[in-house]
């Protein structure tokens, strides 16, 4: 259950009100997938036991992007999307530290004392069995457990978890989810994450060809490193607390202009103005690859088929979808 007040704290120099003395789960948590939840739920359990708030500590940019010197990672969740997911899981907040040269050079002891204790005021820390921290990954789970005990910090290490209530999680990883999305297999990605993959963004102006053709679209420019396969998908669109149904095209529009990649979403039976508004788009099913058509008439004929197929899939999955989303599909 989502908490009523979720605190997003970026580069705090002292514990923010509401998160002082928190139990902190540490990691990148990209995608907030089923494997991550073992650490998150253990942190929640420890926080409840200690009577403390519970938060996540993560880093921006992704450390891999920092060391590469440029954005290279296909991010599954932006900072704000990650916060949204964590709030839905009932956490009280998220700490975000800027991953820069100074943080990369900080040794494990200083990370523990300066970051976790002084700046975050953590009362407890929960990490996975393979978590390392500090310069050159010198901080190990054993070091964290030993020094935590000496400093009065409750530390729990989550050993490898092979299954959850939905079954095996042996194959679950952010890398596996990225690979599924690169192939357009959004259903496998959803099974690995534990919820459909989604993107959030502000609706921007497009060429307005869809409106001319009778299929107006809400357009999102996704991150340049988004690796999602260029294709047509059945989607849900969260708007003002309701989840609407639709069909979306992600790609370069080879029949029209072969331009920069753009996500174009046609929301079924909707005629409102969405320009400048933020929406979240959930990818439910792959329909077909993006393709070039010999004429606009041929494209229109295929769009009608895509519309009908997306409606059929989403209508058939209403009951299943209702378990993944708080708002009802309509």
Protein backbone atom coordinates (compact mmCIF):
# COMPACT_ATOMS: atom_id res chain seq x y z
CA UNK A 1 0.00 0.00 0.00
CA UNK A 2 1.35 3.42 -0.95
CA UNK A 3 2.31 5.73 1.88
CA UNK A 4 0.41 9.01 2.14
CA UNK A 5 3.63 11.06 2.25
CA UNK A 6 6.69 9.99 0.30
CA UNK A 7 9.89 12.00 0.74
CA UNK A 8 12.37 12.33 -2.13
CA UNK A 9 15.65 13.59 -0.67
CA UNK A 10 18.44 14.53 -3.11
CA UNK A 11 21.99 14.92 -1.76
CA UNK A 12 20.99 15.60 1.85
CA UNK A 13 23.67 17.04 4.11
CA UNK A 14 21.68 16.06 7.20
CA UNK A 15 18.78 13.65 7.78
CA UNK A 16 15.57 15.23 6.42
CA UNK A 17 12.54 15.46 8.67
CA UNK A 18 10.50 12.30 8.32
CA UNK A 19 13.44 10.09 7.32
CA UNK A 20 15.78 10.62 10.28
CA UNK A 21 16.70 7.27 11.81
CA UNK A 22 15.39 5.35 8.81
CA UNK A 23 16.18 1.80 7.83
CA UNK A 24 17.80 2.12 4.40
CA UNK A 25 17.90 -0.42 1.58
CA UNK A 26 20.83 0.33 -0.75
CA UNK A 27 21.09 -0.36 -4.48
CA UNK A 28 20.37 0.92 -7.97
CA UNK A 29 16.96 -0.81 -8.04
CA UNK A 30 16.59 -0.13 -11.78
CA UNK A 31 13.15 -1.45 -12.70
CA UNK A 32 12.26 -2.19 -9.05
CA UNK A 33 11.88 -5.82 -10.13
CA UNK A 34 10.98 -8.99 -8.25
CA UNK A 35 14.59 -9.63 -7.26
CA UNK A 36 14.87 -6.16 -5.71
CA UNK A 37 11.79 -6.70 -3.60
CA UNK A 38 13.50 -9.25 -1.35
CA UNK A 39 15.84 -6.47 -0.15
CA UNK A 40 13.05 -3.87 -0.02
CA UNK A 41 10.66 -6.09 1.94
CA UNK A 42 13.42 -7.11 4.39
CA UNK A 43 14.11 -3.41 4.98
CA UNK A 44 10.40 -2.81 5.60
CA UNK A 45 10.32 -5.68 8.10
CA UNK A 46 13.37 -4.36 9.97
CA UNK A 47 11.91 -0.83 9.99
CA UNK A 48 8.68 -2.14 11.47
CA UNK A 49 10.60 -4.09 14.12
CA UNK A 50 12.63 -1.01 15.09
CA UNK A 51 9.72 1.42 14.79
CA UNK A 52 11.54 3.43 12.14
CA UNK A 53 10.72 4.89 8.70
CA UNK A 54 11.94 2.92 5.69
CA UNK A 55 13.71 4.33 2.64
CA UNK A 56 15.90 3.38 -0.30
CA UNK A 57 19.31 4.85 -1.12
CA UNK A 58 20.12 5.00 -4.81
CA UNK A 59 22.40 6.94 -7.14
CA UNK A 60 22.13 9.31 -10.12
CA UNK A 61 23.48 9.07 -12.71
CA UNK A 62 23.76 5.31 -12.92
CA UNK A 63 27.35 4.48 -11.84
CA UNK A 64 27.92 2.72 -15.17
CA UNK A 65 27.07 5.96 -16.98
CA UNK A 66 29.46 7.91 -14.74
CA UNK A 67 32.38 5.59 -15.44
CA UNK A 68 31.56 5.55 -19.17
CA UNK A 69 31.61 9.36 -19.22
CA UNK A 70 28.24 9.57 -20.98
CA UNK A 71 24.71 8.16 -20.71
CA UNK A 72 24.90 4.64 -22.10
CA UNK A 73 22.56 2.53 -19.98
CA UNK A 74 19.06 1.67 -21.17
CA UNK A 75 17.35 2.76 -17.96
CA UNK A 76 14.27 0.77 -16.98
CA UNK A 77 13.09 3.47 -14.59
CA UNK A 78 13.90 7.15 -14.35
CA UNK A 79 14.54 8.63 -10.92
CA UNK A 80 10.93 9.78 -10.58
CA UNK A 81 9.48 6.53 -11.91
CA UNK A 82 11.59 4.62 -9.39
CA UNK A 83 10.26 6.83 -6.59
CA UNK A 84 6.71 6.18 -7.80
CA UNK A 85 7.24 2.41 -7.65
CA UNK A 86 8.82 2.56 -4.21
CA UNK A 87 5.97 4.65 -2.88
CA UNK A 88 3.54 2.03 -4.21
CA UNK A 89 5.49 -0.60 -2.22
CA UNK A 90 4.84 1.34 0.97
CA UNK A 91 8.22 2.98 1.56
CA UNK A 92 8.48 6.35 3.25
CA UNK A 93 11.08 7.85 0.96
CA UNK A 94 14.08 7.64 -1.32
CA UNK A 95 17.53 9.14 -0.86
CA UNK A 96 19.34 10.01 -4.09
CA UNK A 97 23.08 10.70 -4.07
CA UNK A 98 24.82 12.30 -7.04
CA UNK A 99 27.34 9.76 -8.28
CA UNK A 100 30.40 11.86 -9.09
CA UNK A 101 34.17 11.64 -8.80
CA UNK A 102 34.09 12.50 -5.09
CA UNK A 103 31.60 9.77 -4.27
CA UNK A 104 33.39 7.25 -6.49
CA UNK A 105 36.65 7.94 -4.60
CA UNK A 106 35.11 7.65 -1.12
CA UNK A 107 36.42 4.61 0.74
CA UNK A 108 34.11 2.16 2.48
CA UNK A 109 34.73 3.48 6.00
CA UNK A 110 33.95 7.06 5.03
CA UNK A 111 30.90 5.97 3.05
CA UNK A 112 29.62 4.22 6.14
CA UNK A 113 30.34 7.02 8.59
CA UNK A 114 29.91 10.16 6.47
CA UNK A 115 27.07 9.08 4.18
CA UNK A 116 25.04 6.49 6.07
CA UNK A 117 25.44 7.74 9.61
CA UNK A 118 26.06 11.51 9.41
CA UNK A 119 24.17 12.61 6.29
CA UNK A 120 21.35 10.04 6.27
CA UNK A 121 21.17 9.31 9.98
CA UNK A 122 20.41 5.66 9.23
CA UNK A 123 19.43 3.37 12.09
CA UNK A 124 19.62 0.26 9.93
CA UNK A 125 20.88 -0.89 6.55
CA UNK A 126 19.72 -3.77 4.36
CA UNK A 127 21.68 -4.92 1.28
CA UNK A 128 21.91 -7.94 -0.99
CA UNK A 129 24.51 -10.66 -0.54
CA UNK A 130 26.55 -9.38 -3.50
CA UNK A 131 26.48 -5.68 -2.55
CA UNK A 132 29.81 -3.82 -2.57
CA UNK A 133 30.42 -0.14 -1.91
CA UNK A 134 33.17 2.43 -1.57
CA UNK A 135 36.16 3.09 -3.83
CA UNK A 136 37.12 0.03 -5.89
CA UNK A 137 34.16 -1.82 -4.33
CA UNK A 138 36.22 -2.35 -1.20
CA UNK A 139 33.25 -2.43 1.15
CA UNK A 140 31.88 -5.95 1.44
CA UNK A 141 28.75 -7.27 3.19
CA UNK A 142 31.00 -8.75 5.91
CA UNK A 143 32.67 -5.35 6.46
CA UNK A 144 29.28 -3.67 6.66
CA UNK A 145 28.01 -6.22 9.15
CA UNK A 146 31.12 -5.99 11.36
CA UNK A 147 31.48 -2.21 11.37
CA UNK A 148 27.74 -1.74 11.69
CA UNK A 149 27.73 -3.74 14.90
CA UNK A 150 30.62 -1.67 16.25
CA UNK A 151 28.84 1.59 15.40
CA UNK A 152 25.38 0.58 16.63
CA UNK A 153 23.94 0.26 13.13
CA UNK A 154 21.50 -2.61 12.53
CA UNK A 155 22.65 -4.46 9.40
CA UNK A 156 20.91 -7.25 7.54
CA UNK A 157 22.31 -9.03 4.49
CA UNK A 158 19.76 -10.69 2.22
CA UNK A 159 21.10 -13.97 0.89
CA UNK A 160 20.32 -15.07 -2.65
CA UNK A 161 16.57 -15.56 -3.09
CA UNK A 162 15.51 -18.05 -5.75
CA UNK A 163 11.72 -17.74 -5.60
CA UNK A 164 8.90 -15.47 -4.52
CA UNK A 165 5.13 -15.86 -4.29
CA UNK A 166 4.92 -15.81 -8.11
CA UNK A 167 7.50 -18.57 -8.60
CA UNK A 168 11.17 -18.73 -9.54
CA UNK A 169 13.20 -15.52 -9.77
CA UNK A 170 16.40 -17.25 -10.88
CA UNK A 171 16.20 -15.47 -14.26
CA UNK A 172 15.23 -12.06 -12.85
CA UNK A 173 17.69 -9.21 -13.38
CA UNK A 174 17.68 -5.73 -14.83
CA UNK A 175 19.80 -7.07 -17.70
CA UNK A 176 17.27 -9.80 -18.51
CA UNK A 177 14.44 -7.23 -18.50
CA UNK A 178 16.39 -4.96 -20.84
CA UNK A 179 17.01 -7.89 -23.20
CA UNK A 180 13.30 -8.72 -23.25
CA UNK A 181 12.37 -5.12 -24.08
CA UNK A 182 15.01 -4.90 -26.80
CA UNK A 183 13.28 -7.93 -28.36
CA UNK A 184 9.85 -6.30 -27.91
CA UNK A 185 8.85 -9.04 -25.47
CA UNK A 186 7.00 -6.80 -23.04
CA UNK A 187 5.11 -9.72 -21.52
CA UNK A 188 8.32 -11.44 -20.40
CA UNK A 189 9.58 -8.09 -19.11
CA UNK A 190 6.38 -7.75 -17.05
CA UNK A 191 6.77 -11.27 -15.65
CA UNK A 192 10.35 -10.50 -14.58
CA UNK A 193 9.54 -7.11 -13.10
CA UNK A 194 6.35 -8.23 -11.40
CA UNK A 195 4.44 -5.44 -13.16
CA UNK A 196 4.21 -4.12 -16.73
CA UNK A 197 7.10 -1.98 -17.88
CA UNK A 198 6.17 1.66 -18.25
CA UNK A 199 7.48 5.06 -19.29
CA UNK A 200 6.48 8.48 -18.02
CA UNK A 201 6.74 11.74 -19.88
CA UNK A 202 5.20 15.01 -20.94
CA UNK A 203 3.00 14.91 -24.03
CA UNK A 204 4.67 16.84 -26.87
CA UNK A 205 3.46 18.09 -30.24
CA UNK A 206 3.93 15.85 -33.26
CA UNK A 207 3.14 16.20 -36.94
CA UNK A 208 -0.59 15.72 -36.15
CA UNK A 209 -0.90 13.21 -39.00
CA UNK A 210 -2.73 10.80 -36.68
CA UNK A 211 -5.52 13.32 -36.14
CA UNK A 212 -5.78 13.82 -39.90
CA UNK A 213 -6.12 10.06 -40.33
CA UNK A 214 -8.75 9.80 -37.61
CA UNK A 215 -6.37 8.34 -34.98
CA UNK A 216 -5.11 11.26 -32.85
CA UNK A 217 -2.06 10.43 -30.75
CA UNK A 218 -0.38 11.62 -27.57
CA UNK A 219 3.35 11.73 -28.26
CA UNK A 220 6.27 11.16 -25.90
CA UNK A 221 9.96 11.62 -26.73
CA UNK A 222 11.67 8.82 -24.78
CA UNK A 223 15.20 8.80 -23.42
CA UNK A 224 17.80 8.57 -26.19
CA UNK A 225 19.10 5.32 -24.70
CA UNK A 226 15.70 3.63 -24.65
CA UNK A 227 16.28 0.24 -26.25
CA UNK A 228 12.66 -0.81 -26.65
CA UNK A 229 12.08 -2.51 -30.00
CA UNK A 230 10.49 -0.31 -32.64
CA UNK A 231 7.05 -1.85 -32.89
CA UNK A 232 3.32 -1.56 -32.23
CA UNK A 233 2.01 -2.37 -28.73
CA UNK A 234 -1.22 -2.68 -26.79
CA UNK A 235 -0.88 -0.27 -23.87
CA UNK A 236 -2.52 1.21 -20.81
CA UNK A 237 -2.27 4.95 -20.15
CA UNK A 238 -2.57 6.30 -16.61
CA UNK A 239 -4.27 9.67 -16.55
CA UNK A 240 -5.75 11.44 -13.52
CA UNK A 241 -5.93 8.23 -11.51
CA UNK A 242 -7.60 6.16 -14.23
CA UNK A 243 -5.95 3.70 -16.58
CA UNK A 244 -7.20 4.03 -20.15
CA UNK A 245 -6.67 1.55 -22.97
CA UNK A 246 -4.83 2.26 -26.17
CA UNK A 247 -2.46 1.24 -28.93
CA UNK A 248 1.02 2.70 -29.35
CA UNK A 249 3.71 2.90 -31.98
CA UNK A 250 7.34 3.35 -31.00
CA UNK A 251 9.77 4.04 -33.80
CA UNK A 252 10.77 6.27 -36.69
CA UNK A 253 7.54 6.19 -38.79
CA UNK A 254 9.20 4.78 -41.95
CA UNK A 255 6.08 5.34 -44.09
CA UNK A 256 5.87 9.02 -43.15
CA UNK A 257 9.23 10.63 -42.36
CA UNK A 258 11.70 8.11 -40.87
CA UNK A 259 12.45 10.71 -38.19
CA UNK A 260 13.77 10.48 -34.64
CA UNK A 261 12.21 7.74 -32.46
CA UNK A 262 8.89 8.81 -30.96
CA UNK A 263 6.26 7.04 -28.89
CA UNK A 264 2.81 7.76 -30.35
CA UNK A 265 -0.19 6.61 -28.29
CA UNK A 266 -3.75 6.47 -29.54
CA UNK A 267 -6.06 6.32 -26.51
CA UNK A 268 -9.32 4.57 -27.26
CA UNK A 269 -12.48 6.69 -27.14
CA UNK A 270 -10.65 9.76 -25.81
CA UNK A 271 -10.87 13.26 -27.23
CA UNK A 272 -9.22 15.50 -24.62
CA UNK A 273 -6.22 17.82 -24.91
CA UNK A 274 -3.12 16.26 -23.34
CA UNK A 275 -0.39 18.62 -24.57
CA UNK A 276 2.00 19.51 -21.77
CA UNK A 277 0.51 16.95 -19.39
CA UNK A 278 2.42 14.03 -17.90
CA UNK A 279 1.17 10.52 -18.58
CA UNK A 280 2.45 7.05 -17.77
CA UNK A 281 2.27 4.41 -20.49
CA UNK A 282 2.23 0.69 -19.58
CA UNK A 283 3.27 -1.81 -22.24
CA UNK A 284 0.93 -4.79 -22.17
CA UNK A 285 1.46 -6.77 -25.41
CA UNK A 286 3.53 -6.75 -28.59
CA UNK A 287 1.41 -6.57 -31.75
CA UNK A 288 3.86 -6.38 -34.66
CA UNK A 289 7.18 -4.86 -35.73
CA UNK A 290 7.31 -1.37 -37.18
CA UNK A 291 7.04 -1.56 -40.99
CA UNK A 292 7.08 0.54 -44.14
CA UNK A 293 3.84 0.66 -46.16
CA UNK A 294 3.54 1.58 -49.84
CA UNK A 295 0.88 4.24 -49.19
CA UNK A 296 -1.02 6.06 -46.45
CA UNK A 297 -4.09 4.03 -47.42
CA UNK A 298 -2.22 0.78 -46.72
CA UNK A 299 -0.94 2.24 -43.43
CA UNK A 300 -4.49 3.23 -42.44
CA UNK A 301 -5.77 -0.26 -43.16
CA UNK A 302 -3.07 -1.72 -40.88
CA UNK A 303 -3.79 0.87 -38.17
CA UNK A 304 -7.43 -0.27 -38.11
CA UNK A 305 -6.28 -3.86 -37.65
CA UNK A 306 -3.86 -2.83 -34.90
CA UNK A 307 -6.65 -0.94 -33.14
CA UNK A 308 -8.97 -3.95 -33.22
CA UNK A 309 -6.25 -6.36 -32.05
CA UNK A 310 -5.20 -4.12 -29.15
CA UNK A 311 -8.81 -3.77 -28.03
CA UNK A 312 -9.26 -7.54 -28.18
CA UNK A 313 -6.13 -8.22 -26.12
CA UNK A 314 -6.82 -5.56 -23.49
CA UNK A 315 -10.49 -6.56 -23.13
CA UNK A 316 -9.46 -10.22 -22.69
CA UNK A 317 -6.98 -9.28 -19.97
CA UNK A 318 -9.15 -6.93 -17.90
CA UNK A 319 -9.18 -9.20 -14.84
CA UNK A 320 -5.45 -9.87 -14.99
CA UNK A 321 -4.65 -6.22 -15.56
CA UNK A 322 -6.70 -5.15 -12.56
CA UNK A 323 -4.21 -7.01 -10.34
CA UNK A 324 -1.32 -4.94 -11.70
CA UNK A 325 -2.81 -1.48 -11.41
CA UNK A 326 -4.53 0.50 -8.70
CA UNK A 327 -6.82 2.40 -11.12
CA UNK A 328 -9.32 0.40 -13.22
CA UNK A 329 -8.99 0.12 -16.96
CA UNK A 330 -11.82 1.80 -18.76
